[in-house]
Amino acid sequence: MEKDKNLAVLIDGDNIPSKYIKEMMLEIAKYGNPTVKRIYGDWTKPHLNKWKTVLLEHAINPMQQYSYTTGKNATDSAMIIDAMDILYSGKVDGFCIASSDSDFTRLATRIRETGLTVIGIGEKKTPDPFIVACDRFIYLEILHTDEEDEKATAKKQQSKKTVENINPKLIRLIQQSVTDLADDEGWAFLGEVGALIQKKRPSFDARNYGFSKLTPLIQATGKFEIDQRDGGGRYKLIYVRCKE
């Protein structure tokens, strides 16, 4: 998704902790311009008080949804109805749905059927059906670093940067993707490899394995050759090939 694409950001306030908001909005900005920003919940309930303090700072519009019936999630229904209204308005190029709830699986699928991109954001507890229904799914845990746990997170990520953390299933996924795109000499453009992996596994992110980018992750496996080629100017084109 290009950065000038207009995005509708819809947040499930009952489901997403407010502590993630800063990092979440910074992440969303990488994929487009959030022209619609709404958060849904019953604002008469005390558990949403923490959200109230950060909404103005990030220009997010709170949408009131009363809980009419015990055991029924009215917030989900309101989000889905609004999402369809926004979709039919034709004013956005993609959606960002922030929730860890599988109830939004059909919504994500329906939006993608129209040709628009859907980015999901949620915690690692998010059920697989919602994850695979999105073009890309980002775990909140890899974005969040409070000052009090920054050192602990850095230490944890450092310990993750080992071949042992990179499982055989991941290596096979990368190898197959490289093979699918390889030229006659076995080389594939890394940018295209990353895009293909994302299509095959929407939740894939090098940060899940403690790496900031795909290149160092691939290098850490020891299973691939890396070739940097002149792309003109200050840019380098990175190609990758499976080792025999």
Protein backbone atom coordinates (compact mmCIF):
# COMPACT_ATOMS: atom_id res chain seq x y z
CA MET A 1 0.00 0.00 0.00
CA GLU A 2 1.34 3.40 -0.97
CA LYS A 3 1.83 6.00 1.72
CA ASP A 4 -0.53 8.50 0.05
CA LYS A 5 -3.47 6.08 0.27
CA ASN A 6 -6.36 7.24 2.44
CA LEU A 7 -7.13 4.84 5.27
CA ALA A 8 -10.11 4.38 7.55
CA VAL A 9 -8.89 3.42 11.02
CA LEU A 10 -11.54 1.69 13.13
CA ILE A 11 -10.61 0.74 16.69
CA ASP A 12 -12.46 -1.66 18.97
CA GLY A 13 -12.15 0.25 22.25
CA ASP A 14 -13.45 -2.70 24.26
CA ASN A 15 -10.72 -4.92 22.86
CA ILE A 16 -7.57 -2.83 22.32
CA PRO A 17 -5.65 -1.45 25.35
CA SER A 18 -5.02 2.30 25.23
CA LYS A 19 -1.31 1.85 26.03
CA TYR A 20 -0.71 0.83 22.41
CA ILE A 21 -2.16 3.93 20.75
CA LYS A 22 1.03 5.92 20.07
CA GLU A 23 2.96 3.07 18.49
CA MET A 24 -0.14 1.88 16.65
CA MET A 25 -0.75 5.23 14.94
CA LEU A 26 2.93 5.52 14.00
CA GLU A 27 2.75 2.06 12.44
CA ILE A 28 -0.41 2.88 10.50
CA ALA A 29 1.24 6.00 9.05
CA LYS A 30 3.71 3.71 7.24
CA TYR A 31 0.90 2.36 5.09
CA GLY A 32 -1.16 5.43 4.34
CA ASN A 33 -2.87 8.60 5.53
CA PRO A 34 -5.48 7.88 8.25
CA THR A 35 -8.22 10.24 7.08
CA VAL A 36 -10.95 8.53 9.13
CA LYS A 37 -10.11 7.68 12.74
CA ARG A 38 -12.84 6.29 14.97
CA ILE A 39 -12.94 4.29 18.18
CA TYR A 40 -16.01 2.42 19.36
CA GLY A 41 -17.22 1.61 22.84
CA ASP A 42 -19.65 2.41 25.61
CA TRP A 43 -18.05 5.55 27.02
CA THR A 44 -20.25 5.42 30.11
CA LYS A 45 -18.23 2.40 31.26
CA PRO A 46 -15.20 3.04 33.53
CA HIS A 47 -12.89 0.61 31.72
CA LEU A 48 -12.64 3.07 28.81
CA ASN A 49 -11.47 6.00 30.96
CA LYS A 50 -7.84 5.51 29.93
CA TRP A 51 -8.82 5.92 26.29
CA LYS A 52 -10.43 9.29 26.96
CA THR A 53 -7.09 10.86 27.88
CA VAL A 54 -5.40 10.01 24.56
CA LEU A 55 -8.19 10.55 22.01
CA LEU A 56 -7.67 14.29 21.56
CA GLU A 57 -3.91 13.88 21.26
CA HIS A 58 -4.36 11.59 18.27
CA ALA A 59 -7.53 13.21 16.85
CA ILE A 60 -9.56 10.01 17.15
CA ASN A 61 -13.34 10.40 17.10
CA PRO A 62 -15.09 8.43 19.89
CA MET A 63 -18.27 6.68 18.77
CA GLN A 64 -20.76 5.97 21.54
CA GLN A 65 -22.39 2.56 21.50
CA TYR A 66 -24.52 1.50 24.47
CA SER A 67 -24.56 -2.12 25.55
CA TYR A 68 -28.20 -2.90 24.93
CA THR A 69 -28.12 -6.58 25.88
CA THR A 70 -25.90 -8.55 28.23
CA GLY A 71 -23.69 -10.99 26.35
CA LYS A 72 -24.07 -9.21 23.00
CA ASN A 73 -21.26 -7.04 21.65
CA ALA A 74 -22.97 -3.92 20.31
CA THR A 75 -19.59 -2.30 19.69
CA ASP A 76 -18.71 -4.87 17.01
CA SER A 77 -22.02 -4.32 15.24
CA ALA A 78 -21.54 -0.54 15.22
CA MET A 79 -18.04 -0.88 13.78
CA ILE A 80 -19.21 -3.22 11.04
CA ILE A 81 -22.11 -0.95 10.03
CA ASP A 82 -19.86 2.12 9.93
CA ALA A 83 -17.20 0.23 7.97
CA MET A 84 -19.71 -0.66 5.27
CA ASP A 85 -20.95 2.94 5.10
CA ILE A 86 -17.36 4.15 4.68
CA LEU A 87 -16.68 1.45 2.10
CA TYR A 88 -19.63 2.47 -0.07
CA SER A 89 -18.72 6.15 0.23
CA GLY A 90 -15.67 5.47 -1.95
CA LYS A 91 -13.58 7.98 0.00
CA VAL A 92 -10.89 5.60 1.30
CA ASP A 93 -8.41 3.25 -0.34
CA GLY A 94 -8.06 0.82 2.54
CA PHE A 95 -9.01 -0.03 6.11
CA CYS A 96 -7.15 -0.62 9.33
CA ILE A 97 -9.20 -2.69 11.77
CA ALA A 98 -7.75 -2.68 15.29
CA SER A 99 -9.16 -5.57 17.25
CA SER A 100 -8.25 -9.02 18.52
CA ASP A 101 -11.81 -10.26 17.93
CA SER A 102 -12.63 -12.87 15.29
CA ASP A 103 -16.05 -11.23 14.80
CA PHE A 104 -14.43 -8.97 12.21
CA THR A 105 -13.32 -11.85 9.98
CA ARG A 106 -16.26 -11.53 7.58
CA LEU A 107 -15.90 -7.75 7.48
CA ALA A 108 -12.24 -7.99 6.45
CA THR A 109 -13.10 -10.56 3.80
CA ARG A 110 -15.94 -8.42 2.42
CA ILE A 111 -13.76 -5.30 2.16
CA ARG A 112 -11.01 -7.21 0.37
CA GLU A 113 -13.57 -8.53 -2.12
CA THR A 114 -13.97 -4.93 -3.33
CA GLY A 115 -10.24 -4.68 -4.03
CA LEU A 116 -9.34 -2.53 -1.01
CA THR A 117 -6.52 -3.41 1.36
CA VAL A 118 -7.22 -4.46 4.94
CA ILE A 119 -4.58 -4.13 7.65
CA GLY A 120 -5.40 -5.87 10.92
CA ILE A 121 -3.84 -4.86 14.22
CA GLY A 122 -4.33 -6.82 17.42
CA GLU A 123 -2.72 -8.80 20.19
CA LYS A 124 -1.15 -12.21 19.73
CA LYS A 125 -4.29 -13.82 21.15
CA THR A 126 -6.14 -12.89 17.93
CA PRO A 127 -7.77 -15.97 16.33
CA ASP A 128 -6.29 -17.16 13.03
CA PRO A 129 -9.47 -16.65 10.95
CA PHE A 130 -9.30 -12.87 11.41
CA ILE A 131 -5.55 -12.80 10.81
CA VAL A 132 -5.70 -14.63 7.49
CA ALA A 133 -8.70 -12.55 6.38
CA CYS A 134 -6.44 -9.47 6.33
CA ASP A 135 -3.82 -8.52 3.75
CA ARG A 136 -1.44 -7.84 6.61
CA PHE A 137 -1.76 -8.40 10.34
CA ILE A 138 0.46 -6.64 12.89
CA TYR A 139 0.85 -7.79 16.48
CA LEU A 140 0.62 -4.95 18.98
CA GLU A 141 3.17 -6.57 21.26
CA ILE A 142 6.01 -5.93 18.79
CA LEU A 143 5.16 -2.22 18.63
CA HIS A 144 4.86 -1.42 22.31
CA THR A 145 7.84 -0.42 24.44
CA ASP A 146 7.04 1.51 27.60
CA GLU A 147 9.93 3.20 29.39
CA GLU A 148 9.63 0.77 32.28
CA ASP A 149 9.96 -2.31 30.08
CA GLU A 150 12.24 -0.91 27.36
CA LYS A 151 15.35 -2.56 28.75
CA ALA A 152 13.57 -5.85 29.25
CA THR A 153 12.24 -5.76 25.71
CA ALA A 154 15.67 -4.99 24.26
CA LYS A 155 17.17 -7.89 26.18
CA LYS A 156 14.40 -10.20 25.05
CA GLN A 157 14.80 -9.19 21.41
CA GLN A 158 18.54 -9.66 21.61
CA SER A 159 18.04 -13.19 22.91
CA LYS A 160 15.60 -13.83 20.07
CA LYS A 161 18.17 -13.05 17.42
CA THR A 162 19.32 -16.64 17.20
CA VAL A 163 18.91 -19.32 14.60
CA GLU A 164 17.14 -21.46 17.21
CA ASN A 165 14.23 -19.00 17.25
CA ILE A 166 13.84 -19.25 13.48
CA ASN A 167 11.94 -22.49 13.07
CA PRO A 168 12.09 -24.85 10.06
CA LYS A 169 8.55 -23.88 9.02
CA LEU A 170 9.64 -20.25 8.60
CA ILE A 171 12.75 -21.25 6.65
CA ARG A 172 10.64 -23.38 4.30
CA LEU A 173 8.27 -20.46 3.77
CA ILE A 174 11.15 -18.17 2.79
CA GLN A 175 12.81 -20.80 0.61
CA GLN A 176 9.60 -21.56 -1.27
CA SER A 177 8.91 -17.86 -1.80
CA VAL A 178 12.41 -17.28 -3.16
CA THR A 179 12.02 -20.28 -5.46
CA ASP A 180 8.66 -19.02 -6.72
CA LEU A 181 10.21 -15.72 -7.82
CA ALA A 182 13.72 -16.79 -8.79
CA ASP A 183 15.27 -16.13 -12.19
CA ASP A 184 17.22 -18.76 -14.13
CA GLU A 185 20.19 -18.34 -11.78
CA GLY A 186 18.08 -18.66 -8.65
CA TRP A 187 18.11 -14.98 -7.64
CA ALA A 188 14.94 -13.21 -6.47
CA PHE A 189 14.41 -9.54 -5.61
CA LEU A 190 14.02 -9.31 -1.83
CA GLY A 191 11.23 -6.73 -2.02
CA GLU A 192 9.11 -9.12 -4.06
CA VAL A 193 9.99 -12.01 -1.75
CA GLY A 194 8.79 -10.05 1.27
CA ALA A 195 5.53 -9.15 -0.48
CA LEU A 196 4.89 -12.77 -1.44
CA ILE A 197 5.58 -14.01 2.10
CA GLN A 198 3.12 -11.40 3.38
CA LYS A 199 0.44 -12.74 1.04
CA LYS A 200 1.08 -16.30 2.16
CA ARG A 201 1.21 -15.43 5.86
CA PRO A 202 -0.44 -12.06 6.74
CA SER A 203 0.99 -12.09 10.29
CA PHE A 204 4.59 -12.41 9.10
CA ASP A 205 6.84 -9.67 10.42
CA ALA A 206 10.60 -9.81 10.95
CA ARG A 207 10.03 -8.04 14.27
CA ASN A 208 8.21 -11.13 15.56
CA TYR A 209 11.63 -12.82 15.51
CA GLY A 210 13.55 -9.92 17.01
CA PHE A 211 14.80 -8.38 13.76
CA SER A 212 13.98 -4.91 12.50
CA LYS A 213 14.07 -5.89 8.82
CA LEU A 214 13.74 -8.96 6.60
CA THR A 215 17.35 -8.88 5.39
CA PRO A 216 19.05 -9.56 8.76
CA LEU A 217 16.44 -12.23 9.50
CA ILE A 218 17.28 -14.05 6.28
CA GLN A 219 21.00 -13.66 6.89
CA ALA A 220 20.63 -15.15 10.39
CA THR A 221 19.21 -18.38 9.00
CA GLY A 222 22.43 -19.16 7.15
CA LYS A 223 20.34 -20.73 4.37
CA PHE A 224 20.53 -17.94 1.79
CA GLU A 225 22.99 -15.91 -0.27
CA ILE A 226 22.56 -12.13 -0.28
CA ASP A 227 23.61 -9.90 -3.19
CA GLN A 228 23.42 -6.10 -3.08
CA ARG A 229 23.22 -4.48 -6.50
CA ASP A 230 23.41 -0.87 -7.58
CA GLY A 231 19.92 0.53 -7.92
CA GLY A 232 21.00 3.98 -9.01
CA GLY A 233 21.84 6.86 -6.71
CA ARG A 234 22.01 5.98 -3.04
CA TYR A 235 19.72 2.98 -3.32
CA LYS A 236 20.81 -0.65 -3.28
CA LEU A 237 18.72 -3.50 -4.66
CA ILE A 238 18.95 -6.63 -2.53
CA TYR A 239 18.62 -10.05 -4.13
CA VAL A 240 18.47 -13.38 -2.35
CA ARG A 241 19.16 -16.97 -3.41
CA CYS A 242 18.76 -20.30 -1.66
CA LYS A 243 22.02 -22.03 -0.83
CA GLU A 244 22.47 -25.45 -2.33
